[in-house]
Amino acid sequence: MKVLMFGWEFPPHISGGLGTACYGLTRGMSSIPDLDVLFVVPKAFGDEDKSKVEDIIGANNISICNRKLRVSHMSKHLDYIEVDSKLVPYVDPEDFWKLRSLNVGETFRFLQTDSNGKFHFTGKYGTSLLEEIRNYAIIANLIAQEKDFDIIHAHDWLTYPAGIAAKEATGKPLVVHVHATDFDRSGGSVNPVVYDIERRGMEAADKVITVSNLTRNIVIEKYGIPAEKVVTVYNAVDPIKSEFNNYSNKGITDKIITFLGRITMQKGPEYFIEAAYKVLQRMDNVRFVMAGSGDMMEKMIRRAASLKIMDRFHFTGFLRGQDVYSMLRMSSLYVMPSVSEPFGISPLEAMQSNVPVLISNQSGVSEILTYAIKTDFWDIDAMADAMYAVLNYPSLTEIFAKYGKEEVDSLKWENSAQKIKKIYDSII
């Protein structure tokens, strides 16, 4: 069986959990005999690890010169992002690009390529994101016509139009993988354009995979997708690389509590700071680290300053690779107070490092973990009490560290891949 898989990022060029999950899943699939993955990304840099996939194709390397889009297999509307020919260049990207719905069979009026007929892709999440999603879908249609495969697998909303376009070109079954929804990212104030892309991707799919039952319920209730069409397959975690096993001496005797993730509303950084303030009212030999970056970082720095705890607080910026595990090994406790977390791989990485974890009940990973402390994200008193207990009762730390590592070591990508293979079998 061959899988045409669409992602947005692939290691070493990642900016979050999506790329990590895609990589882990492809590695798990590589253990299944006669299952090959052709992985497509908007921009291939040439240094991606191809050892676990049949090939990695960059949409940036595909020319559209003298090519035709094939849209004969589906009769309903095909949605994509299109530039209006009446607009002129050099205006704000938000005004220049807009969502359009055209009958299948209508043609693109304007496509901007380089002299070789190739689209420019950044592969990132900037102001040209909608344009790149549109262009990615066009290239997906062409790739699907050329490649031999049995099933299409699209990861997250960024690639759903590409998955639909590939299905449009071939009639092959489509699986969409929901790693997060805009309800998670926005706290309920969804972007109508993003929501529409998500919903249409789920509607076009033959099966929808969610990373937790929390996300599955959102897909069913908020997007109106039939329950029998939606299947939960939990994420896993890769074993720690040998080069990441080097312990870094923290250089201080104070205990450290760490928040590691994007500093955005979804991750609940403000609750971490408020709980930290309460802990510091009871003990002073503790420091708090907020490792990551995001649109709320400046606000969090100002809040910590207003609480007069900046001498106990450290903002490191975004960490990756060795730095992540060095930070975790210096920590006495890892905290993920997410407001809405579809899954959450970082607590698993902390548990691998023998670090106890405190996670919110509003995270998908809480569904599968026994040896993790759980509180509601908004209950800063309970969160502060849990932090204090872990720091002051060594036996509690030992229990969660020991059994937590045993628990997370049993969560393997190979198991997740086997479940997805059964989903493939059921629709082919």
Protein backbone atom coordinates (compact mmCIF):
# COMPACT_ATOMS: atom_id res chain seq x y z
CA MET A 1 0.00 0.00 0.00
CA LYS A 2 1.25 3.46 -0.88
CA VAL A 3 0.20 6.63 0.94
CA LEU A 4 0.35 10.12 -0.55
CA MET A 5 0.76 12.22 2.60
CA PHE A 6 0.51 15.99 2.78
CA GLY A 7 2.14 17.88 5.65
CA TRP A 8 3.28 21.45 6.23
CA GLU A 9 6.63 20.85 7.90
CA PHE A 10 9.12 18.04 8.39
CA PRO A 11 12.21 17.84 10.63
CA PRO A 12 14.61 19.45 10.99
CA HIS A 13 12.48 22.40 9.82
CA ILE A 14 9.69 22.49 12.38
CA SER A 15 8.11 25.14 14.56
CA GLY A 16 5.80 23.07 16.74
CA GLY A 17 4.11 19.79 17.52
CA LEU A 18 2.63 19.24 14.04
CA GLY A 19 5.99 18.53 12.41
CA THR A 20 7.05 16.36 15.34
CA ALA A 21 3.86 14.30 15.12
CA CYS A 22 4.12 13.86 11.34
CA TYR A 23 7.70 12.67 11.67
CA GLY A 24 6.86 10.26 14.47
CA LEU A 25 3.95 8.82 12.54
CA THR A 26 5.99 8.26 9.38
CA ARG A 27 8.65 6.54 11.44
CA GLY A 28 6.01 4.29 12.95
CA MET A 29 4.60 3.49 9.52
CA SER A 30 8.04 2.50 8.28
CA SER A 31 7.85 -0.54 10.59
CA ILE A 32 4.80 -1.88 8.73
CA PRO A 33 5.72 -4.17 5.82
CA ASP A 34 4.47 -3.12 2.37
CA LEU A 35 3.40 0.33 3.56
CA ASP A 36 5.22 3.18 1.84
CA VAL A 37 4.75 6.92 2.42
CA LEU A 38 5.34 9.63 -0.15
CA PHE A 39 5.51 12.80 1.95
CA VAL A 40 4.79 16.19 0.39
CA VAL A 41 5.65 19.56 1.97
CA PRO A 42 5.28 23.10 0.55
CA LYS A 43 9.02 23.67 0.67
CA ALA A 44 11.70 20.98 0.71
CA PHE A 45 15.10 22.16 1.90
CA GLY A 46 17.01 19.04 0.87
CA ASP A 47 18.24 18.04 4.33
CA GLU A 48 15.11 16.22 5.50
CA ASP A 49 15.45 12.67 6.84
CA LYS A 50 14.23 10.42 4.01
CA SER A 51 15.18 7.14 5.65
CA LYS A 52 11.62 6.38 6.81
CA VAL A 53 9.68 7.54 3.75
CA GLU A 54 9.71 6.60 0.09
CA ASP A 55 10.48 10.21 -0.82
CA ILE A 56 9.93 13.80 0.27
CA ILE A 57 8.57 16.09 -2.43
CA GLY A 58 8.70 19.87 -2.18
CA ALA A 59 5.83 21.66 -3.91
CA ASN A 60 8.34 24.45 -4.54
CA ASN A 61 10.13 22.15 -7.01
CA ILE A 62 7.09 21.39 -9.20
CA SER A 63 6.48 23.45 -12.34
CA ILE A 64 2.93 24.10 -13.54
CA CYS A 65 3.97 25.02 -17.08
CA ASN A 66 1.90 23.25 -19.75
CA ARG A 67 -0.02 21.30 -17.11
CA LYS A 68 -3.72 20.73 -16.64
CA LEU A 69 -5.71 20.45 -13.43
CA ARG A 70 -7.94 17.40 -13.35
CA VAL A 71 -11.26 18.02 -11.61
CA SER A 72 -13.52 15.39 -13.15
CA HIS A 73 -14.22 13.10 -10.23
CA MET A 74 -16.23 15.39 -7.98
CA SER A 75 -19.36 17.29 -8.89
CA LYS A 76 -19.58 19.58 -5.92
CA HIS A 77 -17.84 22.90 -5.52
CA LEU A 78 -14.09 23.03 -5.12
CA ASP A 79 -13.00 25.72 -2.69
CA TYR A 80 -9.63 27.35 -2.89
CA ILE A 81 -7.94 30.68 -2.39
CA GLU A 82 -7.87 32.78 -5.53
CA VAL A 83 -6.60 36.23 -6.43
CA ASP A 84 -9.26 38.46 -7.95
CA SER A 85 -8.08 39.65 -11.35
CA LYS A 86 -9.61 43.09 -10.70
CA LEU A 87 -7.21 43.72 -7.83
CA VAL A 88 -3.79 45.23 -8.39
CA PRO A 89 -0.47 44.05 -6.88
CA TYR A 90 1.41 45.58 -3.97
CA VAL A 91 -1.54 45.92 -1.63
CA ASP A 92 -1.81 44.39 1.82
CA PRO A 93 -1.89 40.55 1.56
CA GLU A 94 -5.00 40.39 3.72
CA ASP A 95 -6.84 42.51 1.14
CA PHE A 96 -5.23 40.85 -1.87
CA TRP A 97 -6.17 37.24 -1.14
CA LYS A 98 -9.68 36.09 -0.38
CA LEU A 99 -11.66 32.89 -0.20
CA ARG A 100 -13.69 32.10 -3.29
CA SER A 101 -16.03 29.24 -4.19
CA LEU A 102 -16.11 28.37 -7.88
CA ASN A 103 -17.88 25.63 -9.80
CA VAL A 104 -15.62 22.74 -10.69
CA GLY A 105 -14.43 23.26 -14.24
CA GLU A 106 -13.82 27.00 -13.98
CA THR A 107 -10.23 28.02 -14.47
CA PHE A 108 -7.79 30.12 -12.52
CA ARG A 109 -7.61 33.64 -13.90
CA PHE A 110 -4.21 34.53 -12.52
CA LEU A 111 -1.36 32.51 -11.03
CA GLN A 112 1.95 34.09 -10.13
CA THR A 113 5.01 31.88 -10.68
CA ASP A 114 8.69 32.36 -11.33
CA SER A 115 10.29 32.11 -14.77
CA ASN A 116 10.35 28.30 -14.46
CA GLY A 117 6.64 28.06 -13.74
CA LYS A 118 7.17 27.27 -10.04
CA PHE A 119 5.42 28.77 -7.05
CA HIS A 120 7.41 30.36 -4.26
CA PHE A 121 6.77 28.71 -0.88
CA THR A 122 8.14 29.77 2.48
CA GLY A 123 6.66 26.73 4.22
CA LYS A 124 6.02 28.97 7.22
CA TYR A 125 3.05 30.74 8.77
CA GLY A 126 3.37 34.32 7.56
CA THR A 127 1.10 36.83 5.89
CA SER A 128 1.10 34.86 2.61
CA LEU A 129 -0.25 31.71 4.29
CA LEU A 130 -3.58 31.62 2.45
CA GLU A 131 -1.82 32.15 -0.85
CA GLU A 132 0.55 29.27 -0.13
CA ILE A 133 -2.34 26.99 0.87
CA ARG A 134 -4.03 27.76 -2.45
CA ASN A 135 -0.85 27.13 -4.44
CA TYR A 136 -0.13 23.96 -2.47
CA ALA A 137 -3.54 22.59 -3.49
CA ILE A 138 -2.80 23.28 -7.16
CA ILE A 139 0.52 21.43 -6.97
CA ALA A 140 -1.17 18.58 -5.05
CA ASN A 141 -3.56 18.08 -7.96
CA LEU A 142 -0.61 17.75 -10.34
CA ILE A 143 1.42 15.45 -8.07
CA ALA A 144 -1.59 13.16 -7.64
CA GLN A 145 -1.88 12.75 -11.40
CA GLU A 146 1.75 11.63 -11.68
CA LYS A 147 2.29 9.42 -8.65
CA ASP A 148 1.12 5.88 -7.98
CA PHE A 149 -0.63 5.58 -4.61
CA ASP A 150 -3.66 4.02 -2.93
CA ILE A 151 -4.78 6.57 -0.35
CA ILE A 152 -4.38 10.26 0.53
CA HIS A 153 -3.57 11.46 4.06
CA ALA A 154 -3.67 15.20 4.85
CA HIS A 155 -2.42 16.65 8.15
CA ASP A 156 -4.26 19.60 9.68
CA TRP A 157 -6.22 22.39 7.98
CA LEU A 158 -3.23 23.79 6.10
CA THR A 159 -3.16 20.71 3.87
CA TYR A 160 -6.87 19.87 3.61
CA PRO A 161 -7.27 21.79 0.31
CA ALA A 162 -4.27 19.83 -1.02
CA GLY A 163 -5.90 16.57 0.06
CA ILE A 164 -9.18 17.55 -1.60
CA ALA A 165 -7.33 18.52 -4.79
CA ALA A 166 -5.52 15.17 -4.89
CA LYS A 167 -8.82 13.35 -4.41
CA GLU A 168 -10.35 15.50 -7.13
CA ALA A 169 -7.57 14.47 -9.51
CA THR A 170 -7.77 10.73 -8.86
CA GLY A 171 -10.90 9.74 -6.96
CA LYS A 172 -8.69 8.00 -4.37
CA PRO A 173 -9.94 7.90 -0.76
CA LEU A 174 -8.95 10.74 1.56
CA VAL A 175 -8.11 10.68 5.27
CA VAL A 176 -7.73 13.99 7.10
CA HIS A 177 -5.82 14.10 10.38
CA VAL A 178 -7.02 16.69 12.89
CA HIS A 179 -4.14 17.69 15.16
CA ALA A 180 -5.99 20.82 16.30
CA THR A 181 -9.03 22.88 15.36
CA ASP A 182 -9.49 26.62 15.24
CA PHE A 183 -11.66 26.27 18.35
CA ASP A 184 -8.49 25.19 20.19
CA ARG A 185 -6.28 27.91 18.75
CA SER A 186 -8.76 30.78 19.13
CA GLY A 187 -10.52 29.88 22.35
CA GLY A 188 -13.84 29.72 20.51
CA SER A 189 -13.58 32.93 18.44
CA VAL A 190 -12.93 31.07 15.21
CA ASN A 191 -11.65 32.60 12.01
CA PRO A 192 -14.47 31.96 9.51
CA VAL A 193 -12.05 31.31 6.64
CA VAL A 194 -10.05 28.76 8.64
CA TYR A 195 -13.23 27.15 9.99
CA ASP A 196 -14.61 26.79 6.47
CA ILE A 197 -11.41 25.13 5.22
CA GLU A 198 -11.45 22.75 8.19
CA ARG A 199 -15.10 21.84 7.77
CA ARG A 200 -14.86 21.24 4.03
CA GLY A 201 -11.78 19.09 4.51
CA MET A 202 -13.59 16.94 7.05
CA GLU A 203 -16.69 16.70 4.85
CA ALA A 204 -14.64 15.63 1.82
CA ALA A 205 -12.74 12.98 3.78
CA ASP A 206 -13.68 9.32 3.85
CA LYS A 207 -12.38 9.15 7.42
CA VAL A 208 -11.36 11.78 9.97
CA ILE A 209 -8.61 10.96 12.48
CA THR A 210 -8.45 12.99 15.70
CA VAL A 211 -5.63 12.93 18.24
CA SER A 212 -7.94 12.66 21.26
CA ASN A 213 -11.57 12.17 22.22
CA LEU A 214 -11.57 15.83 23.28
CA THR A 215 -10.87 16.78 19.67
CA ARG A 216 -13.23 14.10 18.35
CA ASN A 217 -16.12 15.66 20.27
CA ILE A 218 -15.29 19.10 18.84
CA VAL A 219 -15.24 17.69 15.31
CA ILE A 220 -18.62 16.05 15.79
CA GLU A 221 -20.34 18.87 17.69
CA LYS A 222 -18.82 21.99 16.13
CA TYR A 223 -18.30 20.82 12.55
CA GLY A 224 -21.29 18.52 12.18
CA ILE A 225 -19.28 15.48 11.09
CA PRO A 226 -21.04 12.10 11.60
CA ALA A 227 -19.67 10.28 14.66
CA GLU A 228 -19.11 7.04 12.75
CA LYS A 229 -16.73 8.86 10.42
CA VAL A 230 -14.43 10.14 13.19
CA VAL A 231 -11.79 7.89 14.82
CA THR A 232 -9.38 8.73 17.64
CA VAL A 233 -5.74 7.67 17.32
CA TYR A 234 -3.51 8.97 20.11
CA ASN A 235 -0.07 10.40 19.46
CA ALA A 236 3.08 8.92 20.93
CA VAL A 237 6.64 10.06 21.53
CA ASP A 238 9.99 9.15 20.01
CA PRO A 239 12.73 7.70 22.23
CA ILE A 240 15.18 10.33 23.39
CA LYS A 241 18.14 10.60 21.04
CA SER A 242 21.40 9.46 22.62
CA GLU A 243 23.01 12.87 22.09
CA PHE A 244 20.21 14.43 24.18
CA ASN A 245 21.05 12.34 27.23
CA ASN A 246 23.78 14.68 28.43
CA TYR A 247 22.69 16.36 31.63
CA SER A 248 23.32 20.07 32.02
CA ASN A 249 24.14 21.32 35.52
CA LYS A 250 21.69 24.07 36.32
CA GLY A 251 24.27 25.87 38.47
CA ILE A 252 21.82 26.80 41.24
CA THR A 253 20.30 25.04 44.24
CA ASP A 254 16.80 26.42 43.69
CA LYS A 255 14.18 24.09 42.30
CA ILE A 256 12.80 24.85 38.84
CA ILE A 257 9.24 24.64 37.51
CA THR A 258 9.03 24.83 33.72
CA PHE A 259 6.41 25.87 31.18
CA LEU A 260 7.56 24.85 27.70
CA GLY A 261 5.45 25.70 24.68
CA ARG A 262 4.00 28.50 22.59
CA ILE A 263 3.12 31.52 24.71
CA THR A 264 -0.38 31.90 23.32
CA MET A 265 -3.89 31.94 24.74
CA GLN A 266 -4.38 28.24 23.93
CA LYS A 267 -1.49 27.21 26.18
CA GLY A 268 -2.70 29.12 29.28
CA PRO A 269 0.54 30.95 30.19
CA GLU A 270 -1.28 33.48 32.37
CA TYR A 271 -2.52 30.71 34.69
CA PHE A 272 1.05 29.48 35.07
CA ILE A 273 2.19 32.92 36.19
CA GLU A 274 -0.70 33.38 38.63
CA ALA A 275 -0.03 29.95 40.18
CA ALA A 276 3.69 30.76 40.38
CA TYR A 277 2.90 33.91 42.32
CA LYS A 278 0.91 31.90 44.87
CA VAL A 279 3.74 29.37 45.28
CA LEU A 280 6.24 32.17 45.87
CA GLN A 281 4.09 33.43 48.75
CA ARG A 282 4.83 30.13 50.51
CA MET A 283 8.46 29.38 49.55
CA ASP A 284 11.32 31.25 47.96
CA ASN A 285 13.81 28.57 46.87
CA VAL A 286 12.07 28.03 43.54
CA ARG A 287 12.40 29.56 40.09
CA PHE A 288 9.96 29.52 37.20
CA VAL A 289 10.91 29.19 33.54
CA MET A 290 8.68 30.09 30.60
CA ALA A 291 10.40 28.55 27.60
CA GLY A 292 8.88 29.45 24.25
CA SER A 293 7.69 32.35 22.17
CA GLY A 294 4.35 33.69 21.04
CA ASP A 295 2.04 36.66 20.80
CA MET A 296 1.44 36.79 24.57
CA MET A 297 5.09 36.86 25.60
CA GLU A 298 5.34 40.60 26.21
CA LYS A 299 2.07 40.57 28.15
CA MET A 300 3.36 37.73 30.34
CA ILE A 301 6.61 39.58 31.05
CA ARG A 302 4.63 42.65 32.07
CA ARG A 303 2.36 40.57 34.32
CA ALA A 304 5.30 38.89 36.06
CA ALA A 305 6.85 42.33 36.55
CA SER A 306 3.63 43.75 38.00
CA LEU A 307 3.54 40.87 40.49
CA LYS A 308 7.16 41.68 41.42
CA ILE A 309 8.35 38.11 40.74
CA MET A 310 10.72 38.77 37.82
CA ASP A 311 13.70 37.94 40.05
CA ARG A 312 12.24 34.41 40.22
CA PHE A 313 11.09 34.20 36.60
CA HIS A 314 13.05 33.44 33.44
CA PHE A 315 11.92 33.79 29.81
CA THR A 316 14.22 31.77 27.55
CA GLY A 317 12.59 32.18 24.14
CA PHE A 318 11.99 29.26 21.78
CA LEU A 319 14.02 26.11 22.53
CA ARG A 320 14.69 23.13 20.28
CA GLY A 321 16.64 19.86 20.25
CA GLN A 322 19.25 19.45 22.95
CA ASP A 323 18.16 22.65 24.70
CA VAL A 324 14.67 21.26 25.30
CA TYR A 325 15.94 18.18 27.10
CA SER A 326 18.59 20.13 28.99
CA MET A 327 15.84 22.42 30.28
CA LEU A 328 13.62 19.49 31.24
CA ARG A 329 16.41 17.71 33.12
CA MET A 330 17.02 20.83 35.17
CA SER A 331 13.34 20.94 36.12
CA SER A 332 11.67 19.61 39.25
CA LEU A 333 8.23 19.84 37.59
CA TYR A 334 6.86 20.42 34.10
CA VAL A 335 3.55 22.28 33.81
CA MET A 336 1.15 22.41 30.81
CA PRO A 337 -1.90 24.49 31.85
CA SER A 338 -3.49 24.47 28.38
CA VAL A 339 -6.94 25.96 27.93
CA SER A 340 -7.66 23.61 25.04
CA GLU A 341 -4.97 21.12 24.01
CA PRO A 342 -5.92 18.54 21.36
CA PHE A 343 -3.15 16.26 22.60
CA GLY A 344 0.18 17.61 23.90
CA ILE A 345 3.43 15.76 23.23
CA SER A 346 5.67 17.88 25.47
CA PRO A 347 4.48 16.28 28.76
CA LEU A 348 5.53 12.92 27.33
CA GLU A 349 8.99 14.32 26.61
CA ALA A 350 9.19 15.55 30.20
CA MET A 351 8.15 12.16 31.57
CA GLN A 352 10.84 10.53 29.44
CA SER A 353 13.32 12.75 31.27
CA ASN A 354 12.09 11.52 34.68
CA VAL A 355 10.31 14.79 35.38
CA PRO A 356 6.85 14.82 37.03
CA VAL A 357 4.19 16.63 35.02
CA LEU A 358 1.20 18.77 35.90
CA ILE A 359 -1.31 19.01 33.04
CA SER A 360 -4.76 20.45 32.57
CA ASN A 361 -7.88 18.31 32.37
CA GLN A 362 -8.56 20.18 29.15
CA SER A 363 -5.75 18.38 27.30
CA GLY A 364 -6.11 15.28 25.14
CA VAL A 365 -3.03 13.66 26.65
CA SER A 366 -4.78 13.59 30.04
CA GLU A 367 -7.05 10.88 28.60
CA ILE A 368 -4.22 8.36 28.42
CA LEU A 369 -1.94 9.28 31.34
CA THR A 370 -2.34 7.85 34.81
CA TYR A 371 0.87 9.09 36.43
CA ALA A 372 0.36 12.78 35.80
CA ILE A 373 -1.07 15.40 38.13
CA LYS A 374 -4.22 16.93 36.63
CA THR A 375 -6.10 20.12 37.43
CA ASP A 376 -8.47 22.40 35.55
CA PHE A 377 -6.54 25.12 33.72
CA TRP A 378 -8.45 27.89 35.50
CA ASP A 379 -7.96 26.51 39.03
CA ILE A 380 -4.78 28.34 39.96
CA ASP A 381 -5.18 27.42 43.64
CA ALA A 382 -5.17 23.69 42.85
CA MET A 383 -2.29 24.23 40.44
CA ALA A 384 -0.28 26.09 43.06
CA ASP A 385 -0.99 23.41 45.68
CA ALA A 386 0.21 20.70 43.27
CA MET A 387 3.40 22.64 42.53
CA TYR A 388 4.09 23.12 46.23
CA ALA A 389 3.45 19.44 46.99
CA VAL A 390 5.83 18.16 44.31
CA LEU A 391 8.60 20.50 45.48
CA ASN A 392 8.23 19.64 49.16
CA TYR A 393 7.37 15.93 49.24
CA PRO A 394 10.19 13.90 47.64
CA SER A 395 8.26 10.63 47.77
CA LEU A 396 5.54 12.17 45.59
CA THR A 397 8.15 13.25 43.06
CA GLU A 398 9.71 9.78 43.01
CA ILE A 399 6.40 8.04 42.35
CA PHE A 400 5.38 10.28 39.47
CA ALA A 401 8.88 10.28 37.97
CA LYS A 402 9.39 6.51 38.12
CA TYR A 403 5.98 5.27 37.04
CA GLY A 404 5.46 8.16 34.67
CA LYS A 405 8.54 7.18 32.69
CA GLU A 406 7.42 3.55 32.55
CA GLU A 407 4.01 4.66 31.34
CA VAL A 408 5.29 6.95 28.59
CA ASP A 409 7.86 4.43 27.37
CA SER A 410 4.94 2.17 26.41
CA LEU A 411 3.48 4.83 24.08
CA LYS A 412 5.02 4.02 20.71
CA TRP A 413 4.44 5.50 17.26
CA GLU A 414 4.43 1.96 15.87
CA ASN A 415 1.17 1.31 17.76
CA SER A 416 -0.41 4.51 16.43
CA ALA A 417 0.69 3.58 12.91
CA GLN A 418 -0.92 0.15 13.17
CA LYS A 419 -4.24 1.72 14.11
CA ILE A 420 -4.05 4.10 11.16
CA LYS A 421 -3.22 1.19 8.84
CA LYS A 422 -6.48 -0.47 9.91
CA ILE A 423 -8.32 2.75 9.03
CA TYR A 424 -6.70 2.70 5.59
CA ASP A 425 -7.75 -0.93 5.10
CA SER A 426 -11.33 -0.14 6.04
CA ILE A 427 -11.81 2.43 3.27
CA ILE A 428 -9.71 1.05 0.41
